[in-house]
Amino acid sequence: MVFVPGGTFLMGSDRHYSEEAPSHPVALDGFWIDRTPVTNRQFKEFVNTTGYVTTAQIVSEDLSGTLTGALYAGSLVFAPLPHVTDFGDGRQWWTLMRAANWRHPYGPGSSIRDLDDHPVVHVAYRDAAAYATWAGKELPSEAEWEYAARGGLDGEEYAWGNTLTPGGRHMANIWQGDFPAHNLCEDGYERTSPVTAFPPNGYGVYDMIGNVWEWTSDWWSSHSTFGSHGPWQVSRNPRGGSEAGSHDVGAPQTGSPRKVLKGCSHLCAPNHCRRYRPAARRPEQVHTSASDIGFRCVARLRPGARSR
């Protein structure tokens, strides 16, 4: 883990998507954060030790009405239709694939062989929280995650500065080309990448941008979190949203409640999802898992012997 010293920063952004606004001051105490997303190797140790079974490996009535549904054990895999006609309809590139799970990230026949150092995927919120408890840690709040992602560069666009590819160098695993049809793979990766494949930020933390979306502990709200304070009052250590309000995504309140995802993934592209920035955020139903969703943990006290 890496220690992130406490401080005050401007959370959110007024320059991009409406759910990132308003930008507002937040003060945080210091905390420890995983140097990388949780890897397949680490998650495998957890499963082998505890016998844990992930959400994607279970058929449950609790999933009825959610994006993943309750038809069979499986998870969402990126598999675009030959011709995408509606960029507002994720079903045109996401498929609920039978038997897709963390051990089989692209469905039957796939495996995590040679992917020990890649981030674990197909983890629902329950799975991430269970791992964190086992490891003696917690999932980060949205504010903690964003502060750590900025690496000390308060107010800048990216985790490394204001230029997406400084000097032509790719700083994160995101999509190059025309999403979802053509990935030019200029950064060297079509899917996930090893968690230390790209440079760390100013705090020495890897992969805060790109590769996989990451769960936070905050319930979703349609604006960047400032807790019970007004947008220009400093909020200290905020924990955002509420379960009841987490359905607020401009759609009927169906399916499971939503938590905040941060960081974007290897599927974020300039022509579709410009969320490869610390301020970016999106909602995800807590029962949903996908081939581009992972997580990392924090410790709000100095980690002890069980820290990984």
C-alpha atoms as a PDB file:
ATOM      1  CA  MET A   1       0.000   0.000   0.000  1.00  0.00           C
ATOM      2  CA  VAL A   2       0.977   3.646  -0.465  1.00  0.00           C
ATOM      3  CA  PHE A   3       0.339   6.374   2.099  1.00  0.00           C
ATOM      4  CA  VAL A   4      -1.586   9.389   0.804  1.00  0.00           C
ATOM      5  CA  PRO A   5      -1.083  12.398   3.096  1.00  0.00           C
ATOM      6  CA  GLY A   6      -4.152  14.306   4.174  1.00  0.00           C
ATOM      7  CA  GLY A   7      -5.048  17.596   2.557  1.00  0.00           C
ATOM      8  CA  THR A   8      -7.696  19.692   0.839  1.00  0.00           C
ATOM      9  CA  PHE A   9      -8.506  19.530  -2.880  1.00  0.00           C
ATOM     10  CA  LEU A  10     -11.165  20.535  -5.379  1.00  0.00           C
ATOM     11  CA  MET A  11     -13.299  17.475  -6.039  1.00  0.00           C
ATOM     12  CA  GLY A  12     -15.275  17.100  -9.252  1.00  0.00           C
ATOM     13  CA  SER A  13     -15.198  19.215 -12.404  1.00  0.00           C
ATOM     14  CA  ASP A  14     -17.323  21.923 -13.991  1.00  0.00           C
ATOM     15  CA  ARG A  15     -15.878  21.354 -17.464  1.00  0.00           C
ATOM     16  CA  HIS A  16     -17.174  17.959 -18.531  1.00  0.00           C
ATOM     17  CA  TYR A  17     -20.160  15.769 -17.636  1.00  0.00           C
ATOM     18  CA  SER A  18     -22.931  17.222 -15.472  1.00  0.00           C
ATOM     19  CA  GLU A  19     -22.656  14.503 -12.816  1.00  0.00           C
ATOM     20  CA  GLU A  20     -19.114  15.680 -12.009  1.00  0.00           C
ATOM     21  CA  ALA A  21     -20.329  19.149 -10.992  1.00  0.00           C
ATOM     22  CA  PRO A  22     -20.118  21.239  -8.993  1.00  0.00           C
ATOM     23  CA  SER A  23     -16.433  21.343  -8.234  1.00  0.00           C
ATOM     24  CA  HIS A  24     -16.120  21.773  -4.479  1.00  0.00           C
ATOM     25  CA  PRO A  25     -13.484  21.724  -1.720  1.00  0.00           C
ATOM     26  CA  VAL A  26     -12.971  18.530   0.256  1.00  0.00           C
ATOM     27  CA  ALA A  27     -10.601  17.897   3.171  1.00  0.00           C
ATOM     28  CA  LEU A  28      -9.354  14.380   3.868  1.00  0.00           C
ATOM     29  CA  ASP A  29      -7.333  12.779   6.603  1.00  0.00           C
ATOM     30  CA  GLY A  30      -4.348  10.734   5.448  1.00  0.00           C
ATOM     31  CA  PHE A  31      -4.968   7.111   4.437  1.00  0.00           C
ATOM     32  CA  TRP A  32      -3.297   4.131   2.808  1.00  0.00           C
ATOM     33  CA  ILE A  33      -4.372   2.885  -0.614  1.00  0.00           C
ATOM     34  CA  ASP A  34      -3.478  -0.206  -2.604  1.00  0.00           C
ATOM     35  CA  ARG A  35      -0.594   0.529  -4.928  1.00  0.00           C
ATOM     36  CA  THR A  36      -2.455  -1.238  -7.748  1.00  0.00           C
ATOM     37  CA  PRO A  37      -5.923  -2.629  -8.419  1.00  0.00           C
ATOM     38  CA  VAL A  38      -6.451  -6.034  -6.821  1.00  0.00           C
ATOM     39  CA  THR A  39      -4.934  -8.591  -9.166  1.00  0.00           C
ATOM     40  CA  ASN A  40      -6.004 -12.065 -10.218  1.00  0.00           C
ATOM     41  CA  ARG A  41      -3.176 -13.453  -8.095  1.00  0.00           C
ATOM     42  CA  GLN A  42      -4.432 -11.660  -4.983  1.00  0.00           C
ATOM     43  CA  PHE A  43      -8.076 -12.542  -5.567  1.00  0.00           C
ATOM     44  CA  LYS A  44      -7.135 -16.165  -6.187  1.00  0.00           C
ATOM     45  CA  GLU A  45      -5.465 -16.289  -2.758  1.00  0.00           C
ATOM     46  CA  PHE A  46      -8.664 -14.916  -1.204  1.00  0.00           C
ATOM     47  CA  VAL A  47     -10.869 -17.495  -2.945  1.00  0.00           C
ATOM     48  CA  ASN A  48      -8.520 -20.398  -2.234  1.00  0.00           C
ATOM     49  CA  THR A  49      -8.370 -19.428   1.439  1.00  0.00           C
ATOM     50  CA  THR A  50     -12.059 -18.748   2.030  1.00  0.00           C
ATOM     51  CA  GLY A  51     -13.933 -20.727  -0.636  1.00  0.00           C
ATOM     52  CA  TYR A  52     -15.740 -17.541  -1.624  1.00  0.00           C
ATOM     53  CA  VAL A  53     -18.132 -17.719  -4.614  1.00  0.00           C
ATOM     54  CA  THR A  54     -18.631 -14.521  -6.605  1.00  0.00           C
ATOM     55  CA  THR A  55     -21.923 -13.023  -7.715  1.00  0.00           C
ATOM     56  CA  ALA A  56     -21.213 -13.912 -11.350  1.00  0.00           C
ATOM     57  CA  GLN A  57     -21.018 -17.595 -10.357  1.00  0.00           C
ATOM     58  CA  ILE A  58     -24.495 -17.610  -8.761  1.00  0.00           C
ATOM     59  CA  VAL A  59     -27.984 -17.584 -10.252  1.00  0.00           C
ATOM     60  CA  SER A  60     -30.041 -15.423  -7.901  1.00  0.00           C
ATOM     61  CA  GLU A  61     -33.533 -13.970  -7.837  1.00  0.00           C
ATOM     62  CA  ASP A  62     -31.922 -10.883  -6.311  1.00  0.00           C
ATOM     63  CA  LEU A  63     -30.651 -10.063  -9.799  1.00  0.00           C
ATOM     64  CA  SER A  64     -34.070  -9.919 -11.458  1.00  0.00           C
ATOM     65  CA  GLY A  65     -34.627  -6.539 -13.052  1.00  0.00           C
ATOM     66  CA  THR A  66     -30.918  -5.725 -13.139  1.00  0.00           C
ATOM     67  CA  LEU A  67     -28.705  -5.440 -16.183  1.00  0.00           C
ATOM     68  CA  THR A  68     -27.296  -8.919 -15.596  1.00  0.00           C
ATOM     69  CA  GLY A  69     -30.740 -10.433 -14.981  1.00  0.00           C
ATOM     70  CA  ALA A  70     -31.241 -13.860 -13.426  1.00  0.00           C
ATOM     71  CA  LEU A  71     -31.229 -16.168 -16.432  1.00  0.00           C
ATOM     72  CA  TYR A  72     -28.052 -18.084 -15.598  1.00  0.00           C
ATOM     73  CA  ALA A  73     -24.724 -17.674 -13.868  1.00  0.00           C
ATOM     74  CA  GLY A  74     -22.645 -15.282 -15.914  1.00  0.00           C
ATOM     75  CA  SER A  75     -21.420 -11.744 -16.328  1.00  0.00           C
ATOM     76  CA  LEU A  76     -21.193  -8.929 -18.849  1.00  0.00           C
ATOM     77  CA  VAL A  77     -18.533  -9.278 -21.536  1.00  0.00           C
ATOM     78  CA  PHE A  78     -17.603  -6.670 -24.120  1.00  0.00           C
ATOM     79  CA  ALA A  79     -18.812  -8.107 -27.444  1.00  0.00           C
ATOM     80  CA  PRO A  80     -20.030  -5.356 -29.806  1.00  0.00           C
ATOM     81  CA  LEU A  81     -22.557  -5.955 -32.529  1.00  0.00           C
ATOM     82  CA  PRO A  82     -21.174  -5.683 -36.098  1.00  0.00           C
ATOM     83  CA  HIS A  83     -23.056  -2.406 -36.577  1.00  0.00           C
ATOM     84  CA  VAL A  84     -23.784  -0.212 -33.565  1.00  0.00           C
ATOM     85  CA  THR A  85     -26.677   2.145 -34.276  1.00  0.00           C
ATOM     86  CA  ASP A  86     -27.399   3.634 -30.837  1.00  0.00           C
ATOM     87  CA  PHE A  87     -24.548   4.873 -28.632  1.00  0.00           C
ATOM     88  CA  GLY A  88     -27.007   5.288 -25.793  1.00  0.00           C
ATOM     89  CA  ASP A  89     -27.736   1.564 -25.681  1.00  0.00           C
ATOM     90  CA  GLY A  90     -24.929  -0.404 -24.011  1.00  0.00           C
ATOM     91  CA  ARG A  91     -26.627  -3.664 -24.945  1.00  0.00           C
ATOM     92  CA  GLN A  92     -25.164  -3.153 -28.404  1.00  0.00           C
ATOM     93  CA  TRP A  93     -21.692  -3.928 -27.048  1.00  0.00           C
ATOM     94  CA  TRP A  94     -22.329  -5.757 -23.768  1.00  0.00           C
ATOM     95  CA  THR A  95     -23.411  -9.418 -23.683  1.00  0.00           C
ATOM     96  CA  LEU A  96     -24.521 -11.350 -20.610  1.00  0.00           C
ATOM     97  CA  MET A  97     -22.306 -14.360 -21.206  1.00  0.00           C
ATOM     98  CA  ARG A  98     -22.951 -17.692 -19.541  1.00  0.00           C
ATOM     99  CA  ALA A  99     -20.054 -18.858 -17.329  1.00  0.00           C
ATOM    100  CA  ALA A 100     -18.132 -15.588 -17.639  1.00  0.00           C
ATOM    101  CA  ASN A 101     -16.576 -14.844 -14.251  1.00  0.00           C
ATOM    102  CA  TRP A 102     -13.259 -13.856 -12.696  1.00  0.00           C
ATOM    103  CA  ARG A 103     -11.673 -17.212 -13.612  1.00  0.00           C
ATOM    104  CA  HIS A 104     -13.082 -17.062 -17.168  1.00  0.00           C
ATOM    105  CA  PRO A 105     -13.019 -13.357 -18.063  1.00  0.00           C
ATOM    106  CA  TYR A 106     -14.169 -13.784 -21.677  1.00  0.00           C
ATOM    107  CA  GLY A 107     -16.512 -16.720 -21.154  1.00  0.00           C
ATOM    108  CA  PRO A 108     -16.130 -20.489 -21.521  1.00  0.00           C
ATOM    109  CA  GLY A 109     -12.725 -21.496 -22.820  1.00  0.00           C
ATOM    110  CA  SER A 110     -10.989 -18.385 -21.526  1.00  0.00           C
ATOM    111  CA  SER A 111      -8.824 -18.372 -18.427  1.00  0.00           C
ATOM    112  CA  ILE A 112      -6.590 -16.164 -16.291  1.00  0.00           C
ATOM    113  CA  ARG A 113      -3.529 -18.204 -17.168  1.00  0.00           C
ATOM    114  CA  ASP A 114      -0.679 -15.714 -17.654  1.00  0.00           C
ATOM    115  CA  LEU A 115      -2.903 -12.944 -16.248  1.00  0.00           C
ATOM    116  CA  ASP A 116      -1.821 -13.109 -12.592  1.00  0.00           C
ATOM    117  CA  ASP A 117      -0.651  -9.484 -12.700  1.00  0.00           C
ATOM    118  CA  HIS A 118      -3.771  -8.189 -14.454  1.00  0.00           C
ATOM    119  CA  PRO A 119      -6.648  -6.707 -12.431  1.00  0.00           C
ATOM    120  CA  VAL A 120      -9.338  -9.141 -11.371  1.00  0.00           C
ATOM    121  CA  VAL A 121     -12.612  -8.450 -13.223  1.00  0.00           C
ATOM    122  CA  HIS A 122     -16.215  -9.658 -13.042  1.00  0.00           C
ATOM    123  CA  VAL A 123     -16.440  -8.616  -9.402  1.00  0.00           C
ATOM    124  CA  ALA A 124     -19.718  -7.158  -8.152  1.00  0.00           C
ATOM    125  CA  TYR A 125     -19.750  -4.760  -5.226  1.00  0.00           C
ATOM    126  CA  ARG A 126     -20.444  -7.590  -2.775  1.00  0.00           C
ATOM    127  CA  ASP A 127     -17.362  -9.441  -4.003  1.00  0.00           C
ATOM    128  CA  ALA A 128     -15.092  -6.409  -3.683  1.00  0.00           C
ATOM    129  CA  ALA A 129     -16.386  -5.676  -0.177  1.00  0.00           C
ATOM    130  CA  ALA A 130     -15.879  -9.305   0.887  1.00  0.00           C
ATOM    131  CA  TYR A 131     -12.263  -9.251  -0.288  1.00  0.00           C
ATOM    132  CA  ALA A 132     -11.631  -5.955   1.496  1.00  0.00           C
ATOM    133  CA  THR A 133     -12.984  -7.346   4.776  1.00  0.00           C
ATOM    134  CA  TRP A 134     -10.848 -10.479   4.449  1.00  0.00           C
ATOM    135  CA  ALA A 135      -7.758  -8.352   3.815  1.00  0.00           C
ATOM    136  CA  GLY A 136      -8.464  -6.144   6.837  1.00  0.00           C
ATOM    137  CA  LYS A 137      -9.162  -3.137   4.634  1.00  0.00           C
ATOM    138  CA  GLU A 138     -12.106  -1.184   3.226  1.00  0.00           C
ATOM    139  CA  LEU A 139     -13.258   0.103  -0.135  1.00  0.00           C
ATOM    140  CA  PRO A 140     -12.366   3.767  -0.703  1.00  0.00           C
ATOM    141  CA  SER A 141     -14.869   6.566  -0.559  1.00  0.00           C
ATOM    142  CA  GLU A 142     -15.301   8.438  -3.821  1.00  0.00           C
ATOM    143  CA  ALA A 143     -13.432  11.408  -2.354  1.00  0.00           C
ATOM    144  CA  GLU A 144     -10.503   9.262  -1.191  1.00  0.00           C
ATOM    145  CA  TRP A 145     -10.308   7.573  -4.571  1.00  0.00           C
ATOM    146  CA  GLU A 146     -10.323  10.845  -6.505  1.00  0.00           C
ATOM    147  CA  TYR A 147      -7.794  12.512  -4.211  1.00  0.00           C
ATOM    148  CA  ALA A 148      -5.410   9.560  -4.556  1.00  0.00           C
ATOM    149  CA  ALA A 149      -5.909   9.511  -8.334  1.00  0.00           C
ATOM    150  CA  ARG A 150      -4.896  13.150  -8.678  1.00  0.00           C
ATOM    151  CA  GLY A 151      -1.462  12.367  -7.268  1.00  0.00           C
ATOM    152  CA  GLY A 152      -1.078  15.862  -5.839  1.00  0.00           C
ATOM    153  CA  LEU A 153      -2.026  17.627  -9.099  1.00  0.00           C
ATOM    154  CA  ASP A 154      -5.080  19.470  -7.838  1.00  0.00           C
ATOM    155  CA  GLY A 155      -7.327  20.800 -10.604  1.00  0.00           C
ATOM    156  CA  GLU A 156      -5.510  19.223 -13.559  1.00  0.00           C
ATOM    157  CA  GLU A 157      -7.341  17.167 -16.148  1.00  0.00           C
ATOM    158  CA  TYR A 158      -5.515  13.872 -15.829  1.00  0.00           C
ATOM    159  CA  ALA A 159      -3.650  11.970 -13.125  1.00  0.00           C
ATOM    160  CA  TRP A 160      -0.389  13.068 -14.766  1.00  0.00           C
ATOM    161  CA  GLY A 161      -1.119  16.633 -15.932  1.00  0.00           C
ATOM    162  CA  ASN A 162      -3.172  18.469 -18.537  1.00  0.00           C
ATOM    163  CA  THR A 163      -2.092  16.568 -21.674  1.00  0.00           C
ATOM    164  CA  LEU A 164      -3.599  13.166 -22.481  1.00  0.00           C
ATOM    165  CA  THR A 165      -0.488  11.781 -24.169  1.00  0.00           C
ATOM    166  CA  PRO A 166       2.470  13.969 -23.157  1.00  0.00           C
ATOM    167  CA  GLY A 167       5.181  13.781 -25.815  1.00  0.00           C
ATOM    168  CA  GLY A 168       3.094  11.129 -27.583  1.00  0.00           C
ATOM    169  CA  ARG A 169       3.432   8.729 -24.633  1.00  0.00           C
ATOM    170  CA  HIS A 170       0.392   6.743 -23.522  1.00  0.00           C
ATOM    171  CA  MET A 171      -0.068   7.070 -19.763  1.00  0.00           C
ATOM    172  CA  ALA A 172      -2.994   4.672 -19.286  1.00  0.00           C
ATOM    173  CA  ASN A 173      -4.749   1.736 -20.902  1.00  0.00           C
ATOM    174  CA  ILE A 174      -7.703   3.318 -22.713  1.00  0.00           C
ATOM    175  CA  TRP A 175      -9.258   2.935 -26.177  1.00  0.00           C
ATOM    176  CA  GLN A 176      -7.609   4.492 -29.218  1.00  0.00           C
ATOM    177  CA  GLY A 177      -9.734   4.647 -32.327  1.00  0.00           C
ATOM    178  CA  ASP A 178     -13.438   4.570 -33.113  1.00  0.00           C
ATOM    179  CA  PHE A 179     -15.360   2.901 -30.267  1.00  0.00           C
ATOM    180  CA  PRO A 180     -16.709   0.221 -30.314  1.00  0.00           C
ATOM    181  CA  ALA A 181     -15.675  -0.985 -33.772  1.00  0.00           C
ATOM    182  CA  HIS A 182     -11.965  -0.220 -34.113  1.00  0.00           C
ATOM    183  CA  ASN A 183      -9.395  -0.307 -31.336  1.00  0.00           C
ATOM    184  CA  LEU A 184      -6.029   0.739 -32.714  1.00  0.00           C
ATOM    185  CA  CYS A 185      -4.288  -0.566 -29.551  1.00  0.00           C
ATOM    186  CA  GLU A 186      -1.652   2.141 -29.794  1.00  0.00           C
ATOM    187  CA  ASP A 187      -1.020   1.759 -26.064  1.00  0.00           C
ATOM    188  CA  GLY A 188      -0.148  -1.916 -26.621  1.00  0.00           C
ATOM    189  CA  TYR A 189      -3.271  -3.512 -25.148  1.00  0.00           C
ATOM    190  CA  GLU A 190      -6.633  -4.573 -26.523  1.00  0.00           C
ATOM    191  CA  ARG A 191      -8.046  -5.696 -23.180  1.00  0.00           C
ATOM    192  CA  THR A 192      -6.676  -5.437 -19.649  1.00  0.00           C
ATOM    193  CA  SER A 193      -2.979  -4.841 -19.011  1.00  0.00           C
ATOM    194  CA  PRO A 194      -0.593  -5.711 -16.160  1.00  0.00           C
ATOM    195  CA  VAL A 195      -1.290  -3.337 -13.290  1.00  0.00           C
ATOM    196  CA  THR A 196       2.162  -1.722 -13.442  1.00  0.00           C
ATOM    197  CA  ALA A 197       2.356  -1.435 -17.237  1.00  0.00           C
ATOM    198  CA  PHE A 198       1.941   2.358 -17.138  1.00  0.00           C
ATOM    199  CA  PRO A 199       3.699   4.955 -14.970  1.00  0.00           C
ATOM    200  CA  PRO A 200       2.480   5.635 -11.425  1.00  0.00           C
ATOM    201  CA  ASN A 201       1.126   9.038 -10.471  1.00  0.00           C
ATOM    202  CA  GLY A 202       2.686  11.526  -8.087  1.00  0.00           C
ATOM    203  CA  TYR A 203       1.745   9.438  -5.044  1.00  0.00           C
ATOM    204  CA  GLY A 204       3.306   6.309  -6.521  1.00  0.00           C
ATOM    205  CA  VAL A 205      -0.092   4.714  -7.231  1.00  0.00           C
ATOM    206  CA  TYR A 206      -0.629   2.738 -10.452  1.00  0.00           C
ATOM    207  CA  ASP A 207      -3.602   2.374 -12.787  1.00  0.00           C
ATOM    208  CA  MET A 208      -5.889   4.951 -11.211  1.00  0.00           C
ATOM    209  CA  ILE A 209      -6.906   5.821 -14.759  1.00  0.00           C
ATOM    210  CA  GLY A 210      -7.769   3.209 -17.383  1.00  0.00           C
ATOM    211  CA  ASN A 211      -7.534  -0.584 -17.385  1.00  0.00           C
ATOM    212  CA  VAL A 212     -10.625  -1.214 -15.203  1.00  0.00           C
ATOM    213  CA  TRP A 213     -13.342   0.808 -13.521  1.00  0.00           C
ATOM    214  CA  GLU A 214     -13.077   0.594  -9.726  1.00  0.00           C
ATOM    215  CA  TRP A 215     -15.770   0.315  -7.065  1.00  0.00           C
ATOM    216  CA  THR A 216     -16.043   2.917  -4.325  1.00  0.00           C
ATOM    217  CA  SER A 217     -18.113   2.674  -1.147  1.00  0.00           C
ATOM    218  CA  ASP A 218     -20.252   5.743  -1.951  1.00  0.00           C
ATOM    219  CA  TRP A 219     -23.858   5.424  -3.032  1.00  0.00           C
ATOM    220  CA  TRP A 220     -24.497   7.135  -6.340  1.00  0.00           C
ATOM    221  CA  SER A 221     -25.935  10.615  -6.519  1.00  0.00           C
ATOM    222  CA  SER A 222     -26.349  12.649  -9.671  1.00  0.00           C
ATOM    223  CA  HIS A 223     -23.831  15.262  -8.563  1.00  0.00           C
ATOM    224  CA  SER A 224     -20.304  15.076  -7.227  1.00  0.00           C
ATOM    225  CA  THR A 225     -20.408  14.367  -3.496  1.00  0.00           C
ATOM    226  CA  PHE A 226     -20.287  17.184  -0.971  1.00  0.00           C
ATOM    227  CA  GLY A 227     -22.222  15.442   1.776  1.00  0.00           C
ATOM    228  CA  SER A 228     -24.475  17.604   3.949  1.00  0.00           C
ATOM    229  CA  HIS A 229     -22.504  20.767   3.227  1.00  0.00           C
ATOM    230  CA  GLY A 230     -23.079  23.323   0.510  1.00  0.00           C
ATOM    231  CA  PRO A 231     -20.875  23.160  -2.591  1.00  0.00           C
ATOM    232  CA  TRP A 232     -18.528  25.895  -1.355  1.00  0.00           C
ATOM    233  CA  GLN A 233     -18.180  24.762   2.231  1.00  0.00           C
ATOM    234  CA  VAL A 234     -15.256  22.451   2.930  1.00  0.00           C
ATOM    235  CA  SER A 235     -16.530  18.933   3.530  1.00  0.00           C
ATOM    236  CA  ARG A 236     -14.261  16.706   5.646  1.00  0.00           C
ATOM    237  CA  ASN A 237     -14.015  12.995   4.878  1.00  0.00           C
ATOM    238  CA  PRO A 238     -17.400  12.896   3.066  1.00  0.00           C
ATOM    239  CA  ARG A 239     -19.298   9.703   2.437  1.00  0.00           C
ATOM    240  CA  GLY A 240     -21.661  10.293  -0.425  1.00  0.00           C
ATOM    241  CA  GLY A 241     -25.258   9.586  -1.306  1.00  0.00           C
ATOM    242  CA  SER A 242     -27.781   7.174   0.154  1.00  0.00           C
ATOM    243  CA  GLU A 243     -29.114   3.801  -0.916  1.00  0.00           C
ATOM    244  CA  ALA A 244     -32.577   5.246  -1.436  1.00  0.00           C
ATOM    245  CA  GLY A 245     -31.243   8.033  -3.640  1.00  0.00           C
ATOM    246  CA  SER A 246     -28.845   5.867  -5.595  1.00  0.00           C
ATOM    247  CA  HIS A 247     -31.444   5.057  -8.275  1.00  0.00           C
ATOM    248  CA  ASP A 248     -31.302   8.681  -9.437  1.00  0.00           C
ATOM    249  CA  VAL A 249     -29.945   8.195 -12.944  1.00  0.00           C
ATOM    250  CA  GLY A 250     -32.789   9.672 -14.954  1.00  0.00           C
ATOM    251  CA  ALA A 251     -34.495   6.311 -15.334  1.00  0.00           C
ATOM    252  CA  PRO A 252     -37.254   4.379 -13.514  1.00  0.00           C
ATOM    253  CA  GLN A 253     -36.206   3.073 -10.106  1.00  0.00           C
ATOM    254  CA  THR A 254     -35.828  -0.559 -11.108  1.00  0.00           C
ATOM    255  CA  GLY A 255     -33.065  -3.018 -10.434  1.00  0.00           C
ATOM    256  CA  SER A 256     -30.566  -2.893  -7.629  1.00  0.00           C
ATOM    257  CA  PRO A 257     -29.210   0.292  -6.012  1.00  0.00           C
ATOM    258  CA  ARG A 258     -26.044   1.845  -7.408  1.00  0.00           C
ATOM    259  CA  LYS A 259     -22.557   2.652  -6.165  1.00  0.00           C
ATOM    260  CA  VAL A 260     -20.030   5.025  -7.733  1.00  0.00           C
ATOM    261  CA  LEU A 261     -17.400   3.671 -10.118  1.00  0.00           C
ATOM    262  CA  LYS A 262     -14.248   5.677 -10.775  1.00  0.00           C
ATOM    263  CA  GLY A 263     -11.264   5.628 -13.120  1.00  0.00           C
ATOM    264  CA  CYS A 264     -12.661   4.483 -16.480  1.00  0.00           C
ATOM    265  CA  SER A 265     -11.398   1.374 -18.257  1.00  0.00           C
ATOM    266  CA  HIS A 266      -9.640   0.137 -21.376  1.00  0.00           C
ATOM    267  CA  LEU A 267     -12.965   0.682 -23.177  1.00  0.00           C
ATOM    268  CA  CYS A 268     -13.124   4.462 -22.632  1.00  0.00           C
ATOM    269  CA  ALA A 269     -12.609   6.317 -25.908  1.00  0.00           C
ATOM    270  CA  PRO A 270     -12.458   9.969 -27.006  1.00  0.00           C
ATOM    271  CA  ASN A 271     -15.456   9.496 -29.314  1.00  0.00           C
ATOM    272  CA  HIS A 272     -17.690   7.960 -26.669  1.00  0.00           C
ATOM    273  CA  CYS A 273     -16.600   8.004 -23.004  1.00  0.00           C
ATOM    274  CA  ARG A 274     -14.141  10.735 -22.057  1.00  0.00           C
ATOM    275  CA  ARG A 275     -14.000   9.589 -18.461  1.00  0.00           C
ATOM    276  CA  TYR A 276     -10.265   8.900 -18.236  1.00  0.00           C
ATOM    277  CA  ARG A 277      -9.930  11.672 -15.633  1.00  0.00           C
ATOM    278  CA  PRO A 278      -9.878  11.639 -11.804  1.00  0.00           C
ATOM    279  CA  ALA A 279     -13.094  13.706 -11.618  1.00  0.00           C
ATOM    280  CA  ALA A 280     -15.069  11.326 -13.846  1.00  0.00           C
ATOM    281  CA  ARG A 281     -17.629   9.005 -12.300  1.00  0.00           C
ATOM    282  CA  ARG A 282     -20.511   6.741 -13.240  1.00  0.00           C
ATOM    283  CA  PRO A 283     -23.180   4.681 -11.463  1.00  0.00           C
ATOM    284  CA  GLU A 284     -23.272   0.888 -11.417  1.00  0.00           C
ATOM    285  CA  GLN A 285     -25.824  -1.489  -9.928  1.00  0.00           C
ATOM    286  CA  VAL A 286     -24.291  -3.302  -6.972  1.00  0.00           C
ATOM    287  CA  HIS A 287     -25.140  -6.740  -8.387  1.00  0.00           C
ATOM    288  CA  THR A 288     -23.539  -6.024 -11.765  1.00  0.00           C
ATOM    289  CA  SER A 289     -20.174  -7.426 -12.800  1.00  0.00           C
ATOM    290  CA  ALA A 290     -18.374  -6.969 -16.094  1.00  0.00           C
ATOM    291  CA  SER A 291     -15.131  -7.621 -17.933  1.00  0.00           C
ATOM    292  CA  ASP A 292     -13.941  -4.070 -17.203  1.00  0.00           C
ATOM    293  CA  ILE A 293     -14.860  -3.652 -13.507  1.00  0.00           C
ATOM    294  CA  GLY A 294     -12.365  -4.227 -10.695  1.00  0.00           C
ATOM    295  CA  PHE A 295     -11.403  -2.518  -7.426  1.00  0.00           C
ATOM    296  CA  ARG A 296      -8.720  -1.585  -4.932  1.00  0.00           C
ATOM    297  CA  CYS A 297      -8.778  -1.066  -1.167  1.00  0.00           C
ATOM    298  CA  VAL A 298      -7.808   1.515   1.442  1.00  0.00           C
ATOM    299  CA  ALA A 299      -6.811   1.412   5.094  1.00  0.00           C
ATOM    300  CA  ARG A 300      -7.588   4.385   7.263  1.00  0.00           C
ATOM    301  CA  LEU A 301      -5.148   3.209   9.914  1.00  0.00           C
ATOM    302  CA  ARG A 302      -1.606   2.071   9.320  1.00  0.00           C
ATOM    303  CA  PRO A 303      -1.930  -1.409   7.772  1.00  0.00           C
ATOM    304  CA  GLY A 304      -0.825  -4.326   9.897  1.00  0.00           C
ATOM    305  CA  ALA A 305       0.393  -7.805   9.174  1.00  0.00           C
ATOM    306  CA  ARG A 306      -2.611  -8.754   7.044  1.00  0.00           C
ATOM    307  CA  SER A 307      -2.160  -5.906   4.571  1.00  0.00           C
ATOM    308  CA  ARG A 308      -1.414  -7.021   1.037  1.00  0.00           C
END
